[in-house]
Amino acid sequence: MTAAMDGSQSMNQPQIPPEDLSPVWQWVIQGDYPRAIAELEQRLEQQPGVRTHYWWLGVALLLQGQELEAQATWLAAITDGNPEEIDTGALELGAVLLSVAQQQQQSEQWGTATLLYQQLLEFDPSHAAAYHGLGVCQLQQGEVTAAIATLSQALELQPHGAAVRLDLGIALSTHGDRGAAIQQFQAALELEPDNVEVLRHLGMNWEDEGNPEAAIACYQQALTLQPHFPAAHNNWGNLLLAQGVSGGRRPPLPPGDRPESQLLSSSL
C-alpha cells in the first residue's frame, strides 16, 4: 500500500521554527520531550509573553502523552489577547502543528502524525491539508475505510487537488473499489495531465480491471513523460510477462535504473 506522500506530491516541506527554537525542534523530532519541555518552561519563566514557546510546549506535552495539558497550554496562550491576536495565535499554532505533523509523516511516524493532525482539526475543522495528511496516515496504518472518509472530506475542501484525488484513488483501490479509484485518477489527470504517478496507478487499476491495453497506454504515457521511471517499466514489463509476450514492445530501462532482482530481461 503506497500513498502519494512517498513522492512528496501531497504536502509541502515542514515549516522550520525560528532559529532560537532549533534545539527544541531537534529534541521534539528525536523524541526527547522532557528536555524540550524543561527548556520551554525555563524560557517562559524568562519571557512569559512569547507565544511561540507555548505552541511548542504544547506539542512536546502532547507527544509525551499529556493531551489535556497540551490543550490547556495552547488555549491559555490563544485566548490571552484581543480578537485580532486570538486569530493570529490560532494561525500560528496551526502552522506549528502542521509543520511537526508533516515532519512526522515524512519520517513514517504514522501514529504521531495522526495525533498531531487530529489536534489541528480540533482547532480548525476546515483544514484541508490536515484532512489529507490524516487520511494518508490512516491508509498507511491499514485503516482503509477511515482513510476513504477522511480523504473524501479533504477533497470536499480542496476539489482541485490532484494529490488528494491520487491518495483517495489509492485508498479506494486498496478497498477493492477499482471503478471509483479509476474515476479519481482520471479526474486527477484532468488537473495534472503530466503526473506520472497518477498515470501509473491508473494503469495498475486498468490492469486489475482486465483492460491491459488501457494499462499499457498509461505506462507508455508515463514513460514518455519520464523515461527514467523504474516503477512504470516494472509495471509494463510484468504485464507483458503475465501475457506471455516476448516481443520487443517494452523500451529498455536506463542502465542506472535496473534493479536486476525485479526487472525482466531487456530482451522483452
Protein backbone atom coordinates (compact mmCIF):
# COMPACT_ATOMS: atom_id res chain seq x y z
CA MET A 1 0.00 0.00 0.00
CA THR A 2 1.61 3.23 -1.15
CA ALA A 3 0.26 6.74 -0.94
CA ALA A 4 1.24 9.79 -2.91
CA MET A 5 3.21 11.13 0.01
CA ASP A 6 6.17 8.94 -0.87
CA GLY A 7 6.81 11.35 -3.73
CA SER A 8 6.10 14.39 -1.57
CA GLN A 9 3.43 15.48 -4.02
CA SER A 10 0.74 15.99 -1.46
CA MET A 11 2.40 18.14 1.13
CA ASN A 12 4.86 20.98 1.42
CA GLN A 13 8.11 20.71 3.32
CA PRO A 14 7.77 21.28 7.07
CA GLN A 15 7.95 24.87 8.29
CA ILE A 16 11.14 25.14 10.32
CA PRO A 17 10.70 27.13 13.60
CA PRO A 18 12.63 30.32 14.41
CA GLU A 19 16.36 29.83 14.74
CA ASP A 20 16.30 30.22 18.51
CA LEU A 21 13.98 27.22 18.75
CA SER A 22 16.07 24.91 16.56
CA PRO A 23 17.31 22.88 19.57
CA VAL A 24 13.73 22.40 20.75
CA TRP A 25 12.72 21.29 17.25
CA GLN A 26 15.51 18.70 17.24
CA TRP A 27 14.57 17.38 20.68
CA VAL A 28 10.94 17.02 19.61
CA ILE A 29 11.98 15.17 16.43
CA GLN A 30 14.27 12.89 18.45
CA GLY A 31 11.53 12.17 20.99
CA ASP A 32 13.37 13.85 23.88
CA TYR A 33 10.17 15.50 25.11
CA PRO A 34 11.20 16.05 28.76
CA ARG A 35 14.23 18.04 27.65
CA ALA A 36 12.13 20.13 25.26
CA ILE A 37 9.53 20.77 27.96
CA ALA A 38 12.12 21.80 30.54
CA GLU A 39 13.76 24.19 28.09
CA LEU A 40 10.47 25.78 27.06
CA GLU A 41 9.25 26.16 30.63
CA GLN A 42 12.51 27.89 31.53
CA ARG A 43 12.14 30.24 28.57
CA LEU A 44 8.57 31.06 29.54
CA GLU A 45 9.71 31.98 33.04
CA GLN A 46 12.15 34.42 31.49
CA GLN A 47 9.87 35.63 28.66
CA PRO A 48 6.24 34.88 29.57
CA GLY A 49 4.87 36.89 26.64
CA VAL A 50 6.44 34.84 23.83
CA ARG A 51 3.53 32.82 22.48
CA THR A 52 5.68 30.70 20.17
CA HIS A 53 7.06 29.00 23.24
CA TYR A 54 3.53 27.99 24.27
CA TRP A 55 2.88 26.39 20.88
CA TRP A 56 5.97 24.23 21.10
CA LEU A 57 5.47 23.44 24.77
CA GLY A 58 2.01 22.14 23.91
CA VAL A 59 3.44 20.00 21.11
CA ALA A 60 6.00 18.45 23.44
CA LEU A 61 3.35 17.81 26.10
CA LEU A 62 1.03 16.24 23.53
CA LEU A 63 3.67 13.90 22.19
CA GLN A 64 4.61 12.94 25.75
CA GLY A 65 1.03 11.78 26.25
CA GLN A 66 -0.28 14.81 28.16
CA GLU A 67 -3.06 15.79 25.77
CA LEU A 68 -5.16 17.76 28.26
CA GLU A 69 -2.15 19.73 29.47
CA ALA A 70 -1.19 20.48 25.87
CA GLN A 71 -4.65 21.78 25.02
CA ALA A 72 -4.76 23.90 28.17
CA THR A 73 -1.37 25.39 27.30
CA TRP A 74 -2.49 26.31 23.79
CA LEU A 75 -5.85 27.72 24.86
CA ALA A 76 -4.33 29.85 27.60
CA ALA A 77 -1.99 31.46 25.08
CA ILE A 78 -4.57 31.85 22.31
CA THR A 79 -7.26 33.45 24.46
CA ASP A 80 -4.86 35.87 26.14
CA GLY A 81 -5.34 38.79 23.79
CA ASN A 82 -7.72 40.85 21.70
CA PRO A 83 -9.75 39.26 18.86
CA GLU A 84 -7.06 40.00 16.28
CA GLU A 85 -4.37 38.45 18.47
CA ILE A 86 -6.59 35.40 19.03
CA ASP A 87 -6.94 34.89 15.28
CA THR A 88 -3.22 35.35 14.75
CA GLY A 89 -2.44 32.93 17.55
CA ALA A 90 -4.69 30.26 16.08
CA LEU A 91 -2.92 30.60 12.73
CA GLU A 92 0.50 30.39 14.38
CA LEU A 93 -0.48 27.29 16.33
CA GLY A 94 -1.91 25.69 13.20
CA ALA A 95 1.35 26.29 11.34
CA VAL A 96 3.37 24.67 14.13
CA LEU A 97 1.09 21.63 14.36
CA LEU A 98 1.13 21.20 10.59
CA SER A 99 4.92 21.51 10.47
CA VAL A 100 5.51 18.83 13.09
CA ALA A 101 2.79 16.56 11.67
CA GLN A 102 4.33 16.72 8.19
CA GLN A 103 7.79 16.02 9.57
CA GLN A 104 6.49 13.00 11.48
CA GLN A 105 4.60 11.79 8.41
CA GLN A 106 7.67 12.07 6.20
CA SER A 107 9.58 10.10 8.84
CA GLU A 108 6.82 7.45 8.65
CA GLN A 109 5.83 8.04 12.26
CA TRP A 110 2.20 7.48 11.34
CA GLY A 111 0.74 7.34 14.84
CA THR A 112 2.40 10.53 16.00
CA ALA A 113 1.46 12.34 12.80
CA THR A 114 -2.12 11.14 13.20
CA LEU A 115 -2.31 12.60 16.70
CA LEU A 116 -0.99 15.96 15.53
CA TYR A 117 -3.36 16.17 12.57
CA GLN A 118 -6.29 15.33 14.83
CA GLN A 119 -5.33 18.12 17.22
CA LEU A 120 -5.03 20.55 14.32
CA LEU A 121 -8.51 19.61 13.14
CA GLU A 122 -9.91 20.25 16.61
CA PHE A 123 -8.70 23.84 16.32
CA ASP A 124 -9.52 24.20 12.62
CA PRO A 125 -12.18 21.73 11.36
CA SER A 126 -11.85 23.06 7.80
CA HIS A 127 -8.11 22.49 7.37
CA ALA A 128 -7.83 20.64 4.05
CA ALA A 129 -4.13 19.77 4.41
CA ALA A 130 -4.76 18.25 7.84
CA TYR A 131 -7.53 16.03 6.48
CA HIS A 132 -5.29 15.00 3.61
CA GLY A 133 -2.34 14.16 5.84
CA LEU A 134 -4.56 12.35 8.33
CA GLY A 135 -6.10 10.28 5.55
CA VAL A 136 -2.69 9.22 4.27
CA CYS A 137 -1.62 8.23 7.80
CA GLN A 138 -4.79 6.21 8.28
CA LEU A 139 -4.21 4.45 4.98
CA GLN A 140 -0.63 3.60 5.91
CA GLN A 141 -1.86 2.13 9.21
CA GLY A 142 -4.39 -0.10 7.43
CA GLU A 143 -7.45 1.95 8.41
CA VAL A 144 -8.73 1.95 4.85
CA THR A 145 -12.39 2.79 5.49
CA ALA A 146 -11.44 5.68 7.76
CA ALA A 147 -8.90 6.87 5.20
CA ILE A 148 -11.53 6.97 2.46
CA ALA A 149 -13.84 9.05 4.65
CA THR A 150 -11.07 11.43 5.70
CA LEU A 151 -9.67 11.88 2.19
CA SER A 152 -13.19 12.45 0.88
CA GLN A 153 -13.51 15.27 3.40
CA ALA A 154 -10.20 16.69 2.19
CA LEU A 155 -11.49 16.55 -1.38
CA GLU A 156 -14.64 18.46 -0.43
CA LEU A 157 -12.45 21.21 0.96
CA GLN A 158 -9.93 21.06 -1.90
CA PRO A 159 -11.77 19.81 -5.02
CA HIS A 160 -8.98 20.88 -7.36
CA GLY A 161 -6.28 18.98 -5.52
CA ALA A 162 -4.78 16.32 -7.80
CA ALA A 163 -2.70 14.89 -4.95
CA VAL A 164 -5.80 14.43 -2.80
CA ARG A 165 -7.53 12.61 -5.66
CA LEU A 166 -4.48 10.41 -6.14
CA ASP A 167 -4.42 9.35 -2.50
CA LEU A 168 -8.19 8.88 -2.41
CA GLY A 169 -7.90 6.72 -5.52
CA ILE A 170 -5.20 4.63 -3.85
CA ALA A 171 -7.42 4.17 -0.79
CA LEU A 172 -10.41 3.17 -2.92
CA SER A 173 -8.27 0.74 -4.89
CA THR A 174 -6.94 -0.78 -1.66
CA HIS A 175 -10.54 -1.19 -0.54
CA GLY A 176 -11.29 -3.05 -3.78
CA ASP A 177 -13.41 -0.32 -5.36
CA ARG A 178 -11.35 -0.01 -8.51
CA GLY A 179 -14.09 1.65 -10.55
CA ALA A 180 -14.28 4.56 -8.14
CA ALA A 181 -10.48 4.63 -7.94
CA ILE A 182 -10.21 4.94 -11.72
CA GLN A 183 -12.62 7.87 -11.63
CA GLN A 184 -10.41 9.66 -9.10
CA PHE A 185 -7.25 9.01 -11.10
CA GLN A 186 -8.89 10.26 -14.29
CA ALA A 187 -10.08 13.39 -12.50
CA ALA A 188 -6.56 13.92 -11.15
CA LEU A 189 -5.16 13.68 -14.68
CA GLU A 190 -7.55 16.37 -15.85
CA LEU A 191 -5.94 18.61 -13.24
CA GLU A 192 -2.36 17.44 -13.80
CA PRO A 193 -2.02 15.65 -17.18
CA ASP A 194 1.73 15.13 -16.70
CA ASN A 195 1.53 13.45 -13.29
CA VAL A 196 3.35 10.17 -13.90
CA GLU A 197 2.39 8.67 -10.54
CA VAL A 198 -1.29 9.14 -11.33
CA LEU A 199 -0.74 7.54 -14.74
CA ARG A 200 0.99 4.56 -13.14
CA HIS A 201 -1.77 3.99 -10.60
CA LEU A 202 -4.40 4.38 -13.29
CA GLY A 203 -2.58 1.79 -15.37
CA MET A 204 -2.39 -0.63 -12.44
CA ASN A 205 -6.13 -0.35 -11.87
CA TRP A 206 -6.93 -0.80 -15.57
CA GLU A 207 -4.76 -3.89 -15.42
CA ASP A 208 -6.66 -5.23 -12.40
CA GLU A 209 -9.92 -4.48 -14.21
CA GLY A 210 -8.85 -6.70 -17.10
CA ASN A 211 -8.04 -3.93 -19.57
CA PRO A 212 -4.35 -4.44 -20.42
CA GLU A 213 -4.49 -2.17 -23.47
CA ALA A 214 -5.57 0.80 -21.36
CA ALA A 215 -2.95 -0.11 -18.75
CA ILE A 216 -0.14 -0.21 -21.32
CA ALA A 217 -1.28 3.14 -22.73
CA CYS A 218 -0.92 4.65 -19.24
CA TYR A 219 2.53 3.16 -18.72
CA GLN A 220 3.64 4.35 -22.16
CA GLN A 221 2.44 7.86 -21.46
CA ALA A 222 4.19 7.91 -18.09
CA LEU A 223 7.46 6.77 -19.68
CA THR A 224 7.15 9.30 -22.47
CA LEU A 225 6.94 11.99 -19.81
CA GLN A 226 9.62 10.46 -17.57
CA PRO A 227 11.80 7.84 -19.29
CA HIS A 228 13.76 7.18 -16.08
CA PHE A 229 10.74 5.84 -14.15
CA PRO A 230 11.60 2.30 -12.97
CA ALA A 231 8.19 1.63 -11.39
CA ALA A 232 6.38 2.16 -14.70
CA HIS A 233 8.94 -0.01 -16.52
CA ASN A 234 8.32 -2.75 -13.97
CA ASN A 235 4.53 -2.47 -14.24
CA TRP A 236 4.65 -2.63 -18.02
CA GLY A 237 7.19 -5.45 -18.12
CA ASN A 238 5.34 -7.56 -15.57
CA LEU A 239 2.11 -7.10 -17.51
CA LEU A 240 3.77 -8.30 -20.71
CA LEU A 241 5.28 -11.24 -18.85
CA ALA A 242 1.86 -12.19 -17.49
CA GLN A 243 0.53 -12.09 -21.05
CA GLY A 244 3.37 -14.27 -22.30
CA VAL A 245 4.62 -11.54 -24.61
CA SER A 246 8.22 -11.99 -25.79
CA GLY A 247 8.43 -9.31 -28.45
CA GLY A 248 10.32 -6.07 -28.24
CA ARG A 249 7.40 -3.90 -27.16
CA ARG A 250 8.80 -2.51 -23.95
CA PRO A 251 11.52 0.17 -24.09
CA PRO A 252 14.65 -0.89 -22.18
CA LEU A 253 15.10 0.59 -18.74
CA PRO A 254 18.04 3.01 -18.49
CA PRO A 255 21.06 1.05 -17.11
CA GLY A 256 21.29 3.06 -13.91
CA ASP A 257 17.69 2.22 -13.02
CA ARG A 258 17.79 -1.57 -13.40
CA PRO A 259 17.27 -3.49 -10.13
CA GLU A 260 18.12 -6.94 -11.52
CA SER A 261 16.01 -8.77 -8.96
CA GLN A 262 12.83 -7.05 -10.15
CA LEU A 263 13.11 -6.28 -13.86
CA LEU A 264 12.58 -8.61 -16.75
CA SER A 265 15.30 -9.16 -19.29
CA SER A 266 15.74 -6.17 -21.57
CA SER A 267 15.05 -8.52 -24.45
CA LEU A 268 11.31 -8.08 -23.77
